[in-house]
Amino acid sequence: MSAVMSAASPAISRASLADAAYDVLQSAILRGELAPGSELSAVALAERYQVSRTPITEALQRLTHDGLVLQEPHRQPRVVRLGREDVVEIYEMRTQLEAAAAERAATRMTPDVCEKLRSKLARLSGKRRPSNWAALAIEFDLEFHDAVAEAAGNRRLRDDIARYRRLVRCFCKLTGNDANLAAAIAEHRAILAAIEARRPAGARKAMVDHITKRQAAVLAELYPEPAEKRR
């Protein structure tokens, strides 16, 4: 039995099978369930996740575009070898791109967008949390960063940010415990405060602080230090 088929896996049941397949395969790659260098058979993956080959094939194409799957001529797709340094480099790129976007957004984001983000932050920060609070917090994280990128007013910058945001989508889920999400919300609030105050340097710094802390959380999840090193 191939490595892809070695473990039991949940069936994909979401309405959009291609999106669902993408999410599941991305998570499996980042968690190491699909080992670096292993071949990805669309037939085997379709059987594993109980879907047709079409959404699996589409998901593999998207993952190839994102840089998580390597597709060479006349060969099966393979999982890239994404190491700790790769994750660091991804977050370094996010820091450079999104800090610039936050700085630009501080003089460009409209009051109505600021108000919408502030209102959602207030609801997420309330003492009474809905049962789906974690999902709402992750959804807001995506919305917040998209809004900042859009407000920067530079299409190429926005598109590059979107590319790296796709690479870190699953990291949000991997580190999506209540403590990390609450910390991220507080960091978003600091970024938004600087943007609303029209302080470009403050918005840049707040974004850098935010991404640096989220990088640390991801590295702790994916590459935890052995217990003896923490003593």
Protein backbone atom coordinates (compact mmCIF):
# COMPACT_ATOMS: atom_id res chain seq x y z
CA MET A 1 0.00 0.00 0.00
CA SER A 2 1.33 3.44 -0.91
CA ALA A 3 2.20 6.09 1.65
CA VAL A 4 -0.80 8.10 0.48
CA MET A 5 -3.15 5.26 1.39
CA SER A 6 -1.50 4.17 4.63
CA ALA A 7 -3.83 5.99 7.04
CA ALA A 8 -7.59 6.20 7.34
CA SER A 9 -8.89 9.62 6.36
CA PRO A 10 -12.22 11.42 6.70
CA ALA A 11 -14.44 11.75 3.67
CA ILE A 12 -14.71 15.15 2.02
CA SER A 13 -18.30 16.33 2.25
CA ARG A 14 -18.29 20.09 1.65
CA ALA A 15 -20.31 21.58 -1.18
CA SER A 16 -17.29 22.70 -3.13
CA LEU A 17 -15.29 19.51 -3.51
CA ALA A 18 -12.36 21.19 -5.24
CA ASP A 19 -11.98 23.71 -2.39
CA ALA A 20 -12.42 20.98 0.18
CA ALA A 21 -9.85 18.76 -1.50
CA TYR A 22 -7.44 21.69 -1.62
CA ASP A 23 -7.87 22.40 2.11
CA VAL A 24 -7.49 18.77 3.12
CA LEU A 25 -4.43 18.11 0.97
CA GLN A 26 -2.78 21.37 2.02
CA SER A 27 -3.29 20.47 5.68
CA ALA A 28 -1.96 16.94 5.13
CA ILE A 29 1.16 18.29 3.45
CA LEU A 30 1.89 20.88 6.12
CA ARG A 31 1.32 18.40 8.93
CA GLY A 32 3.57 15.83 7.28
CA GLU A 33 0.78 13.30 6.77
CA LEU A 34 1.77 13.39 3.09
CA ALA A 35 5.51 13.06 3.45
CA PRO A 36 7.93 15.40 1.65
CA GLY A 37 9.04 13.84 -1.60
CA SER A 38 6.16 11.35 -1.72
CA GLU A 39 4.30 10.86 -4.98
CA LEU A 40 0.69 12.00 -5.16
CA SER A 41 -1.52 9.67 -7.15
CA ALA A 42 -4.83 11.30 -8.04
CA VAL A 43 -6.43 7.84 -8.15
CA ALA A 44 -5.17 6.90 -4.68
CA LEU A 45 -6.09 10.28 -3.20
CA ALA A 46 -9.57 10.13 -4.71
CA GLU A 47 -10.08 6.74 -3.09
CA ARG A 48 -8.65 7.90 0.22
CA TYR A 49 -10.94 10.93 0.46
CA GLN A 50 -13.91 9.29 -1.25
CA VAL A 51 -14.31 11.77 -4.08
CA SER A 52 -13.86 11.66 -7.84
CA ARG A 53 -10.51 12.37 -9.45
CA THR A 54 -11.57 15.77 -10.82
CA PRO A 55 -11.50 17.78 -7.53
CA ILE A 56 -8.26 16.04 -6.53
CA THR A 57 -6.65 16.95 -9.86
CA GLU A 58 -7.80 20.57 -9.50
CA ALA A 59 -6.48 20.72 -5.94
CA LEU A 60 -3.09 19.37 -7.03
CA GLN A 61 -2.89 22.03 -9.73
CA ARG A 62 -3.58 24.76 -7.16
CA LEU A 63 -1.03 23.30 -4.75
CA THR A 64 1.53 23.23 -7.55
CA HIS A 65 0.86 26.93 -8.18
CA ASP A 66 1.24 27.60 -4.45
CA GLY A 67 4.61 25.83 -4.35
CA LEU A 68 3.60 22.92 -2.12
CA VAL A 69 3.51 20.31 -4.90
CA LEU A 70 6.17 19.74 -7.55
CA GLN A 71 4.98 18.72 -11.00
CA GLU A 72 7.67 17.67 -13.45
CA PRO A 73 7.10 16.48 -17.04
CA HIS A 74 6.18 12.81 -17.37
CA ARG A 75 6.25 12.24 -13.60
CA GLN A 76 3.68 11.97 -10.83
CA PRO A 77 3.21 15.11 -8.72
CA ARG A 78 5.31 15.04 -5.56
CA VAL A 79 5.14 16.83 -2.22
CA VAL A 80 7.83 19.49 -1.96
CA ARG A 81 10.28 19.30 0.89
CA LEU A 82 9.07 22.27 2.96
CA GLY A 83 11.39 22.69 5.92
CA ARG A 84 11.63 25.08 8.79
CA GLU A 85 13.70 27.51 6.74
CA ASP A 86 11.04 27.54 4.03
CA VAL A 87 8.40 28.54 6.58
CA VAL A 88 10.69 31.27 7.90
CA GLU A 89 11.23 32.58 4.36
CA ILE A 90 7.47 32.58 3.67
CA TYR A 91 6.86 34.67 6.77
CA GLU A 92 9.77 36.95 5.93
CA MET A 93 8.10 37.65 2.59
CA ARG A 94 4.80 38.26 4.35
CA THR A 95 6.53 40.70 6.68
CA GLN A 96 8.04 42.70 3.82
CA LEU A 97 4.89 42.75 1.69
CA GLU A 98 2.23 43.24 4.34
CA ALA A 99 4.20 45.81 6.32
CA ALA A 100 4.39 47.89 3.14
CA ALA A 101 0.66 47.37 2.57
CA ALA A 102 -0.21 48.47 6.12
CA GLU A 103 1.94 51.57 5.74
CA ARG A 104 0.17 52.51 2.51
CA ALA A 105 -3.26 51.60 3.91
CA ALA A 106 -2.77 54.09 6.74
CA THR A 107 -3.30 56.91 4.27
CA ARG A 108 -5.76 55.17 1.98
CA MET A 109 -8.21 52.94 3.86
CA THR A 110 -11.68 54.49 3.77
CA PRO A 111 -13.63 55.24 6.97
CA ASP A 112 -16.39 52.78 6.06
CA VAL A 113 -13.90 49.90 5.70
CA CYS A 114 -12.30 50.88 9.02
CA GLU A 115 -15.71 50.94 10.68
CA LYS A 116 -16.63 47.52 9.30
CA LEU A 117 -13.38 45.97 10.56
CA ARG A 118 -13.67 47.70 13.94
CA SER A 119 -17.23 46.44 14.37
CA LYS A 120 -16.24 42.85 13.66
CA LEU A 121 -13.26 43.12 16.00
CA ALA A 122 -15.57 44.33 18.75
CA ARG A 123 -17.90 41.36 18.28
CA LEU A 124 -15.02 38.89 18.33
CA SER A 125 -13.60 40.53 21.45
CA GLY A 126 -16.84 40.25 23.45
CA LYS A 127 -17.05 38.13 26.57
CA ARG A 128 -19.84 35.95 25.18
CA ARG A 129 -18.40 33.86 22.38
CA PRO A 130 -20.57 31.93 19.93
CA SER A 131 -19.94 28.22 19.50
CA ASN A 132 -18.24 28.87 16.15
CA TRP A 133 -16.05 31.68 17.50
CA ALA A 134 -12.77 30.08 16.36
CA ALA A 135 -14.05 29.70 12.79
CA LEU A 136 -15.26 33.31 12.81
CA ALA A 137 -11.88 34.50 14.09
CA ILE A 138 -10.02 32.66 11.33
CA GLU A 139 -12.45 34.01 8.74
CA PHE A 140 -11.90 37.54 10.06
CA ASP A 141 -8.13 37.11 9.86
CA LEU A 142 -8.46 36.42 6.13
CA GLU A 143 -10.84 39.36 5.68
CA PHE A 144 -8.63 41.75 7.65
CA HIS A 145 -5.47 41.05 5.69
CA ASP A 146 -7.35 41.16 2.39
CA ALA A 147 -8.79 44.56 3.36
CA VAL A 148 -5.36 45.97 4.23
CA ALA A 149 -3.89 44.64 0.97
CA GLU A 150 -6.76 46.11 -1.04
CA ALA A 151 -6.50 49.48 0.71
CA ALA A 152 -2.80 49.70 -0.16
CA GLY A 153 -3.89 50.63 -3.67
CA ASN A 154 -1.23 48.63 -5.52
CA ARG A 155 -2.49 45.72 -7.59
CA ARG A 156 0.87 43.95 -7.85
CA LEU A 157 1.48 44.26 -4.13
CA ARG A 158 -2.02 42.93 -3.44
CA ASP A 159 -1.50 39.95 -5.76
CA ASP A 160 1.86 39.04 -4.22
CA ILE A 161 0.32 39.22 -0.75
CA ALA A 162 -2.48 36.93 -1.90
CA ARG A 163 0.07 34.40 -3.15
CA TYR A 164 1.80 34.14 0.22
CA ARG A 165 -1.50 34.27 2.07
CA ARG A 166 -2.55 31.13 0.19
CA LEU A 167 0.57 29.40 1.49
CA VAL A 168 -0.28 30.26 5.11
CA ARG A 169 -4.03 29.56 5.03
CA CYS A 170 -3.56 26.21 6.70
CA PHE A 171 -1.19 27.67 9.31
CA CYS A 172 -4.17 29.63 10.65
CA LYS A 173 -6.00 26.35 11.22
CA LEU A 174 -2.95 24.59 12.68
CA THR A 175 -2.52 27.32 15.31
CA GLY A 176 -6.21 28.13 15.66
CA ASN A 177 -6.56 27.56 19.40
CA ASP A 178 -8.38 30.17 21.47
CA ALA A 179 -5.22 31.70 22.95
CA ASN A 180 -3.52 32.23 19.59
CA LEU A 181 -6.68 33.56 17.97
CA ALA A 182 -7.32 35.99 20.83
CA ALA A 183 -3.73 37.23 20.56
CA ALA A 184 -4.12 37.71 16.80
CA ILE A 185 -7.30 39.70 17.33
CA ALA A 186 -5.49 42.02 19.74
CA GLU A 187 -2.72 42.44 17.16
CA HIS A 188 -5.27 43.22 14.45
CA ARG A 189 -6.76 45.86 16.73
CA ALA A 190 -3.35 47.53 17.09
CA ILE A 191 -2.84 47.56 13.32
CA LEU A 192 -6.29 49.01 12.71
CA ALA A 193 -5.80 51.67 15.38
CA ALA A 194 -2.64 52.88 13.65
CA ILE A 195 -4.37 52.88 10.26
CA GLU A 196 -7.36 54.84 11.59
CA ALA A 197 -4.99 57.33 13.25
CA ARG A 198 -3.27 57.80 9.87
CA ARG A 199 0.10 56.73 11.29
CA PRO A 200 1.94 54.86 8.48
CA ALA A 201 5.03 54.05 10.55
CA GLY A 202 2.87 52.79 13.40
CA ALA A 203 0.81 50.62 11.06
CA ARG A 204 3.98 49.13 9.57
CA LYS A 205 5.40 48.34 13.01
CA ALA A 206 2.13 46.83 14.24
CA MET A 207 1.93 44.58 11.16
CA VAL A 208 5.56 43.46 11.58
CA ASP A 209 4.90 42.63 15.25
CA HIS A 210 1.78 40.68 14.29
CA ILE A 211 3.41 38.55 11.59
CA THR A 212 6.49 37.93 13.75
CA LYS A 213 4.31 36.57 16.56
CA ARG A 214 2.23 34.43 14.19
CA GLN A 215 5.44 33.00 12.71
CA ALA A 216 6.61 32.01 16.17
CA ALA A 217 3.30 30.24 16.82
CA VAL A 218 3.52 28.31 13.54
CA LEU A 219 7.12 27.25 14.12
CA ALA A 220 6.26 26.06 17.62
CA GLU A 221 3.44 23.93 16.16
CA LEU A 222 5.29 22.48 13.15
CA TYR A 223 8.81 22.25 14.54
CA PRO A 224 8.60 22.00 18.34
CA GLU A 225 11.87 21.93 20.21
CA PRO A 226 12.69 18.73 22.10
CA ALA A 227 11.92 18.93 25.82
CA GLU A 228 15.61 18.79 26.78
CA LYS A 229 16.34 21.92 24.72
CA ARG A 230 13.64 23.88 26.53
CA ARG A 231 15.20 23.25 29.95
